[in-house]
PDB file of N, CA and C in Angstrom:
ATOM      1  N   MET A   1      12.765 -11.155 -40.286  1.00  0.00           N
ATOM      2  CA  MET A   1      13.040 -10.085 -39.426  1.00  0.00           C
ATOM      3  C   MET A   1      13.589  -8.827 -40.045  1.00  0.00           C
ATOM      4  N   LYS A   2      13.328  -7.734 -40.056  1.00  0.00           N
ATOM      5  CA  LYS A   2      13.718  -6.599 -40.506  1.00  0.00           C
ATOM      6  C   LYS A   2      14.342  -5.656 -39.588  1.00  0.00           C
ATOM      7  N   TYR A   3      15.489  -4.813 -40.204  1.00  0.00           N
ATOM      8  CA  TYR A   3      16.189  -4.109 -39.315  1.00  0.00           C
ATOM      9  C   TYR A   3      15.282  -2.745 -39.253  1.00  0.00           C
ATOM     10  N   LYS A   4      15.447  -2.110 -38.012  1.00  0.00           N
ATOM     11  CA  LYS A   4      14.734  -0.876 -37.608  1.00  0.00           C
ATOM     12  C   LYS A   4      15.834  -0.015 -37.048  1.00  0.00           C
ATOM     13  N   LEU A   5      15.993   1.052 -37.860  1.00  0.00           N
ATOM     14  CA  LEU A   5      17.078   2.024 -37.266  1.00  0.00           C
ATOM     15  C   LEU A   5      16.654   2.725 -35.931  1.00  0.00           C
ATOM     16  N   ASP A   6      17.498   2.675 -34.871  1.00  0.00           N
ATOM     17  CA  ASP A   6      17.452   3.434 -33.675  1.00  0.00           C
ATOM     18  C   ASP A   6      18.500   4.298 -33.719  1.00  0.00           C
ATOM     19  N   ILE A   7      18.585   5.399 -33.869  1.00  0.00           N
ATOM     20  CA  ILE A   7      19.553   6.503 -33.983  1.00  0.00           C
ATOM     21  C   ILE A   7      20.267   6.537 -32.620  1.00  0.00           C
ATOM     22  N   LYS A   8      19.600   6.593 -31.441  1.00  0.00           N
ATOM     23  CA  LYS A   8      20.432   6.660 -30.279  1.00  0.00           C
ATOM     24  C   LYS A   8      21.089   5.274 -29.957  1.00  0.00           C
ATOM     25  N   ARG A   9      20.542   4.332 -30.196  1.00  0.00           N
ATOM     26  CA  ARG A   9      21.105   2.882 -30.018  1.00  0.00           C
ATOM     27  C   ARG A   9      22.380   2.657 -30.862  1.00  0.00           C
ATOM     28  N   ASP A  10      21.947   2.995 -32.169  1.00  0.00           N
ATOM     29  CA  ASP A  10      23.003   2.312 -33.257  1.00  0.00           C
ATOM     30  C   ASP A  10      23.974   3.110 -34.028  1.00  0.00           C
ATOM     31  N   VAL A  11      23.882   4.650 -33.671  1.00  0.00           N
ATOM     32  CA  VAL A  11      24.754   5.415 -34.161  1.00  0.00           C
ATOM     33  C   VAL A  11      25.576   6.033 -33.179  1.00  0.00           C
ATOM     34  N   ASP A  12      26.860   6.317 -33.608  1.00  0.00           N
ATOM     35  CA  ASP A  12      27.796   6.943 -32.602  1.00  0.00           C
ATOM     36  C   ASP A  12      28.715   7.640 -33.354  1.00  0.00           C
ATOM     37  N   GLY A  13      29.303   8.753 -32.879  1.00  0.00           N
ATOM     38  CA  GLY A  13      30.277   9.636 -33.469  1.00  0.00           C
ATOM     39  C   GLY A  13      29.905  10.908 -33.633  1.00  0.00           C
ATOM     40  N   PRO A  14      30.656  12.058 -33.793  1.00  0.00           N
ATOM     41  CA  PRO A  14      30.419  13.249 -33.991  1.00  0.00           C
ATOM     42  C   PRO A  14      30.008  13.675 -35.559  1.00  0.00           C
ATOM     43  N   ALA A  15      29.211  14.671 -35.635  1.00  0.00           N
ATOM     44  CA  ALA A  15      28.787  15.007 -36.940  1.00  0.00           C
ATOM     45  C   ALA A  15      29.773  14.996 -38.094  1.00  0.00           C
ATOM     46  N   GLY A  16      29.490  14.446 -39.194  1.00  0.00           N
ATOM     47  CA  GLY A  16      30.139  14.257 -40.079  1.00  0.00           C
ATOM     48  C   GLY A  16      31.294  12.926 -40.032  1.00  0.00           C
ATOM     49  N   ASP A  17      31.205  12.386 -38.966  1.00  0.00           N
ATOM     50  CA  ASP A  17      31.838  10.944 -38.799  1.00  0.00           C
ATOM     51  C   ASP A  17      31.194  10.011 -38.133  1.00  0.00           C
ATOM     52  N   TYR A  18      30.040   9.796 -38.739  1.00  0.00           N
ATOM     53  CA  TYR A  18      29.154   8.825 -37.915  1.00  0.00           C
ATOM     54  C   TYR A  18      29.477   7.334 -38.020  1.00  0.00           C
ATOM     55  N   LEU A  19      29.125   6.655 -37.163  1.00  0.00           N
ATOM     56  CA  LEU A  19      29.416   5.294 -37.168  1.00  0.00           C
ATOM     57  C   LEU A  19      28.178   4.372 -37.073  1.00  0.00           C
ATOM     58  N   LEU A  20      27.485   3.585 -38.009  1.00  0.00           N
ATOM     59  CA  LEU A  20      26.294   2.890 -37.752  1.00  0.00           C
ATOM     60  C   LEU A  20      26.666   1.393 -37.492  1.00  0.00           C
ATOM     61  N   TRP A  21      26.287   1.057 -36.107  1.00  0.00           N
ATOM     62  CA  TRP A  21      26.803  -0.152 -35.441  1.00  0.00           C
ATOM     63  C   TRP A  21      25.403  -1.034 -35.555  1.00  0.00           C
ATOM     64  N   LEU A  22      25.429  -1.959 -36.431  1.00  0.00           N
ATOM     65  CA  LEU A  22      24.134  -3.128 -36.632  1.00  0.00           C
ATOM     66  C   LEU A  22      24.313  -4.092 -35.381  1.00  0.00           C
ATOM     67  N   PRO A  23      23.134  -4.404 -34.980  1.00  0.00           N
ATOM     68  CA  PRO A  23      22.940  -5.330 -33.834  1.00  0.00           C
ATOM     69  C   PRO A  23      23.311  -6.511 -34.392  1.00  0.00           C
ATOM     70  N   PHE A  24      23.448  -7.738 -33.396  1.00  0.00           N
ATOM     71  CA  PHE A  24      23.684  -9.105 -33.928  1.00  0.00           C
ATOM     72  C   PHE A  24      22.449  -9.564 -34.822  1.00  0.00           C
ATOM     73  N   GLY A  25      22.661 -10.256 -35.955  1.00  0.00           N
ATOM     74  CA  GLY A  25      21.522 -10.675 -36.857  1.00  0.00           C
ATOM     75  C   GLY A  25      21.580  -9.966 -37.898  1.00  0.00           C
ATOM     76  N   PHE A  26      22.201  -8.816 -38.044  1.00  0.00           N
ATOM     77  CA  PHE A  26      22.174  -7.751 -39.222  1.00  0.00           C
ATOM     78  C   PHE A  26      23.451  -7.475 -39.809  1.00  0.00           C
ATOM     79  N   ARG A  27      23.764  -7.224 -41.169  1.00  0.00           N
ATOM     80  CA  ARG A  27      24.847  -6.943 -41.837  1.00  0.00           C
ATOM     81  C   ARG A  27      24.609  -6.082 -43.005  1.00  0.00           C
ATOM     82  N   PHE A  28      25.586  -5.557 -43.412  1.00  0.00           N
ATOM     83  CA  PHE A  28      25.251  -4.751 -44.605  1.00  0.00           C
ATOM     84  C   PHE A  28      25.587  -5.559 -46.026  1.00  0.00           C
ATOM     85  N   SER A  29      24.502  -5.223 -46.895  1.00  0.00           N
ATOM     86  CA  SER A  29      24.397  -6.483 -47.987  1.00  0.00           C
ATOM     87  C   SER A  29      25.635  -6.552 -49.012  1.00  0.00           C
ATOM     88  N   ASP A  30      26.428  -5.671 -49.035  1.00  0.00           N
ATOM     89  CA  ASP A  30      27.505  -5.938 -50.018  1.00  0.00           C
ATOM     90  C   ASP A  30      28.809  -6.558 -49.384  1.00  0.00           C
ATOM     91  N   GLU A  31      28.817  -6.836 -48.247  1.00  0.00           N
ATOM     92  CA  GLU A  31      29.802  -7.530 -47.436  1.00  0.00           C
ATOM     93  C   GLU A  31      29.311  -8.074 -45.985  1.00  0.00           C
ATOM     94  N   ILE A  32      30.210  -8.654 -45.440  1.00  0.00           N
ATOM     95  CA  ILE A  32      29.842  -9.106 -44.142  1.00  0.00           C
ATOM     96  C   ILE A  32      30.450  -8.444 -43.109  1.00  0.00           C
ATOM     97  N   VAL A  33      29.912  -6.900 -42.967  1.00  0.00           N
ATOM     98  CA  VAL A  33      30.659  -5.927 -41.981  1.00  0.00           C
ATOM     99  C   VAL A  33      29.374  -5.506 -41.185  1.00  0.00           C
ATOM    100  N   HIS A  34      29.445  -5.243 -39.997  1.00  0.00           N
ATOM    101  CA  HIS A  34      28.422  -4.904 -39.099  1.00  0.00           C
ATOM    102  C   HIS A  34      28.463  -3.462 -38.559  1.00  0.00           C
ATOM    103  N   VAL A  35      29.472  -2.713 -39.250  1.00  0.00           N
ATOM    104  CA  VAL A  35      29.512  -1.470 -38.833  1.00  0.00           C
ATOM    105  C   VAL A  35      30.015  -0.665 -40.061  1.00  0.00           C
ATOM    106  N   ARG A  36      29.687   0.656 -40.190  1.00  0.00           N
ATOM    107  CA  ARG A  36      30.036   1.458 -41.297  1.00  0.00           C
ATOM    108  C   ARG A  36      29.889   2.846 -41.003  1.00  0.00           C
ATOM    109  N   GLY A  37      30.991   3.537 -41.572  1.00  0.00           N
ATOM    110  CA  GLY A  37      30.988   5.013 -41.327  1.00  0.00           C
ATOM    111  C   GLY A  37      30.085   5.814 -42.486  1.00  0.00           C
ATOM    112  N   PHE A  38      29.729   6.937 -41.890  1.00  0.00           N
ATOM    113  CA  PHE A  38      28.797   7.868 -42.716  1.00  0.00           C
ATOM    114  C   PHE A  38      29.128   9.174 -42.420  1.00  0.00           C
ATOM    115  N   ASP A  39      28.856   9.998 -43.461  1.00  0.00           N
ATOM    116  CA  ASP A  39      28.962  11.662 -43.336  1.00  0.00           C
ATOM    117  C   ASP A  39      27.905  12.199 -42.634  1.00  0.00           C
ATOM    118  N   THR A  40      26.660  11.857 -43.171  1.00  0.00           N
ATOM    119  CA  THR A  40      25.266  12.307 -42.748  1.00  0.00           C
ATOM    120  C   THR A  40      24.340  11.447 -42.174  1.00  0.00           C
ATOM    121  N   ILE A  41      23.309  11.786 -41.346  1.00  0.00           N
ATOM    122  CA  ILE A  41      22.340  11.048 -40.860  1.00  0.00           C
ATOM    123  C   ILE A  41      21.419  10.595 -42.109  1.00  0.00           C
ATOM    124  N   ALA A  42      21.321  11.371 -43.039  1.00  0.00           N
ATOM    125  CA  ALA A  42      20.505  11.115 -44.301  1.00  0.00           C
ATOM    126  C   ALA A  42      20.968   9.932 -44.772  1.00  0.00           C
ATOM    127  N   GLU A  43      22.423   9.767 -44.929  1.00  0.00           N
ATOM    128  CA  GLU A  43      23.010   8.612 -45.624  1.00  0.00           C
ATOM    129  C   GLU A  43      22.883   7.457 -44.626  1.00  0.00           C
ATOM    130  N   ILE A  44      22.742   7.467 -43.426  1.00  0.00           N
ATOM    131  CA  ILE A  44      22.624   6.406 -42.488  1.00  0.00           C
ATOM    132  C   ILE A  44      21.168   5.934 -42.680  1.00  0.00           C
ATOM    133  N   ARG A  45      20.241   6.692 -42.693  1.00  0.00           N
ATOM    134  CA  ARG A  45      18.902   6.346 -42.958  1.00  0.00           C
ATOM    135  C   ARG A  45      18.700   5.471 -44.230  1.00  0.00           C
ATOM    136  N   LYS A  46      19.236   6.104 -45.538  1.00  0.00           N
ATOM    137  CA  LYS A  46      19.159   5.447 -46.535  1.00  0.00           C
ATOM    138  C   LYS A  46      19.741   4.104 -46.646  1.00  0.00           C
ATOM    139  N   ALA A  47      20.979   3.953 -46.073  1.00  0.00           N
ATOM    140  CA  ALA A  47      21.564   2.486 -45.849  1.00  0.00           C
ATOM    141  C   ALA A  47      20.787   1.648 -44.919  1.00  0.00           C
ATOM    142  N   ALA A  48      20.313   2.095 -43.827  1.00  0.00           N
ATOM    143  CA  ALA A  48      19.375   1.375 -43.058  1.00  0.00           C
ATOM    144  C   ALA A  48      18.339   0.686 -43.712  1.00  0.00           C
ATOM    145  N   LYS A  49      17.704   1.609 -44.599  1.00  0.00           N
ATOM    146  CA  LYS A  49      16.558   1.086 -45.338  1.00  0.00           C
ATOM    147  C   LYS A  49      16.731   0.252 -46.507  1.00  0.00           C
ATOM    148  N   ASN A  50      17.922   0.553 -47.271  1.00  0.00           N
ATOM    149  CA  ASN A  50      18.318  -0.264 -48.363  1.00  0.00           C
ATOM    150  C   ASN A  50      19.322  -1.288 -48.437  1.00  0.00           C
ATOM    151  N   ASP A  51      20.189  -1.244 -47.359  1.00  0.00           N
ATOM    152  CA  ASP A  51      21.603  -1.997 -47.635  1.00  0.00           C
ATOM    153  C   ASP A  51      21.717  -2.837 -46.313  1.00  0.00           C
ATOM    154  N   VAL A  52      20.769  -3.116 -45.514  1.00  0.00           N
ATOM    155  CA  VAL A  52      20.948  -3.979 -44.181  1.00  0.00           C
ATOM    156  C   VAL A  52      20.085  -5.164 -44.678  1.00  0.00           C
ATOM    157  N   VAL A  53      20.673  -6.333 -44.395  1.00  0.00           N
ATOM    158  CA  VAL A  53      20.128  -7.642 -44.453  1.00  0.00           C
ATOM    159  C   VAL A  53      20.398  -8.511 -43.272  1.00  0.00           C
ATOM    160  N   GLN A  54      19.517  -9.492 -43.162  1.00  0.00           N
ATOM    161  CA  GLN A  54      19.878 -10.393 -42.052  1.00  0.00           C
ATOM    162  C   GLN A  54      21.400 -11.124 -42.169  1.00  0.00           C
ATOM    163  N   CYS A  55      21.957 -11.404 -41.047  1.00  0.00           N
ATOM    164  CA  CYS A  55      23.167 -11.952 -41.191  1.00  0.00           C
ATOM    165  C   CYS A  55      23.276 -13.459 -40.314  1.00  0.00           C
ATOM    166  N   ASP A  56      23.773 -14.321 -40.900  1.00  0.00           N
ATOM    167  CA  ASP A  56      23.798 -15.666 -40.123  1.00  0.00           C
ATOM    168  C   ASP A  56      25.423 -15.991 -40.152  1.00  0.00           C
ATOM    169  N   CYS A  57      26.372 -15.244 -40.009  1.00  0.00           N
ATOM    170  CA  CYS A  57      27.648 -15.258 -39.817  1.00  0.00           C
ATOM    171  C   CYS A  57      27.854 -16.009 -38.374  1.00  0.00           C
ATOM    172  N   ASP A  58      28.955 -16.649 -37.959  1.00  0.00           N
ATOM    173  CA  ASP A  58      29.157 -17.295 -36.986  1.00  0.00           C
ATOM    174  C   ASP A  58      29.179 -16.665 -35.662  1.00  0.00           C
ATOM    175  N   ASP A  59      29.573 -15.321 -35.762  1.00  0.00           N
ATOM    176  CA  ASP A  59      29.590 -14.450 -34.557  1.00  0.00           C
ATOM    177  C   ASP A  59      28.085 -14.106 -34.088  1.00  0.00           C
ATOM    178  N   CYS A  60      27.309 -13.862 -35.288  1.00  0.00           N
ATOM    179  CA  CYS A  60      25.952 -13.549 -35.118  1.00  0.00           C
ATOM    180  C   CYS A  60      25.066 -14.711 -34.393  1.00  0.00           C
ATOM    181  N   LYS A  61      25.342 -15.885 -35.161  1.00  0.00           N
ATOM    182  CA  LYS A  61      24.799 -17.009 -34.716  1.00  0.00           C
ATOM    183  C   LYS A  61      25.203 -17.236 -33.195  1.00  0.00           C
ATOM    184  N   LYS A  62      26.266 -17.120 -32.763  1.00  0.00           N
ATOM    185  CA  LYS A  62      26.646 -17.575 -31.550  1.00  0.00           C
ATOM    186  C   LYS A  62      26.167 -16.453 -30.486  1.00  0.00           C
ATOM    187  N   SER A  63      26.122 -15.295 -30.746  1.00  0.00           N
ATOM    188  CA  SER A  63      25.649 -14.199 -29.889  1.00  0.00           C
ATOM    189  C   SER A  63      24.165 -14.339 -29.658  1.00  0.00           C
ATOM    190  N   ILE A  64      23.380 -14.388 -30.739  1.00  0.00           N
ATOM    191  CA  ILE A  64      21.986 -14.638 -30.816  1.00  0.00           C
ATOM    192  C   ILE A  64      21.684 -16.072 -29.681  1.00  0.00           C
ATOM    193  N   ALA A  65      22.347 -16.930 -29.985  1.00  0.00           N
ATOM    194  CA  ALA A  65      22.150 -18.180 -29.209  1.00  0.00           C
ATOM    195  C   ALA A  65      22.483 -18.029 -27.776  1.00  0.00           C
ATOM    196  N   GLU A  66      23.327 -17.297 -27.422  1.00  0.00           N
ATOM    197  CA  GLU A  66      23.692 -16.969 -26.127  1.00  0.00           C
ATOM    198  C   GLU A  66      22.835 -16.185 -25.406  1.00  0.00           C
ATOM    199  N   PHE A  67      22.261 -14.984 -26.088  1.00  0.00           N
ATOM    200  CA  PHE A  67      21.073 -14.223 -25.740  1.00  0.00           C
ATOM    201  C   PHE A  67      19.846 -15.031 -25.490  1.00  0.00           C
ATOM    202  N   LYS A  68      19.753 -16.044 -26.209  1.00  0.00           N
ATOM    203  CA  LYS A  68      18.393 -16.847 -26.121  1.00  0.00           C
ATOM    204  C   LYS A  68      18.599 -17.663 -24.882  1.00  0.00           C
ATOM    205  N   ARG A  69      19.796 -18.143 -24.648  1.00  0.00           N
ATOM    206  CA  ARG A  69      20.121 -18.889 -23.661  1.00  0.00           C
ATOM    207  C   ARG A  69      19.759 -18.503 -22.337  1.00  0.00           C
ATOM    208  N   LEU A  70      20.348 -17.199 -22.084  1.00  0.00           N
ATOM    209  CA  LEU A  70      20.123 -16.062 -20.890  1.00  0.00           C
ATOM    210  C   LEU A  70      18.890 -15.757 -20.560  1.00  0.00           C
ATOM    211  N   PHE A  71      18.098 -15.360 -21.791  1.00  0.00           N
ATOM    212  CA  PHE A  71      16.842 -14.844 -21.468  1.00  0.00           C
ATOM    213  C   PHE A  71      15.681 -15.494 -21.863  1.00  0.00           C
ATOM    214  N   ASP A  72      15.721 -16.659 -22.490  1.00  0.00           N
ATOM    215  CA  ASP A  72      14.578 -17.405 -22.600  1.00  0.00           C
ATOM    216  C   ASP A  72      14.169 -18.405 -21.529  1.00  0.00           C
TER     217      ASP A  72
END
């Protein structure tokens, strides 16, 4: 599964102080974090394309399992 950036859903904050909130199942490649701050939308687009990988941390596994239980 590959992360697809959705600016309206995943980005929050005023210009110059953006936060990218990754949905459960994804994290940034260099550490197990699901949110990161950015100065520009261009930086967010680059990070979403190059730095986001699938996550299998306990929180993601638990949340995905709960979602599947509720909606499957």
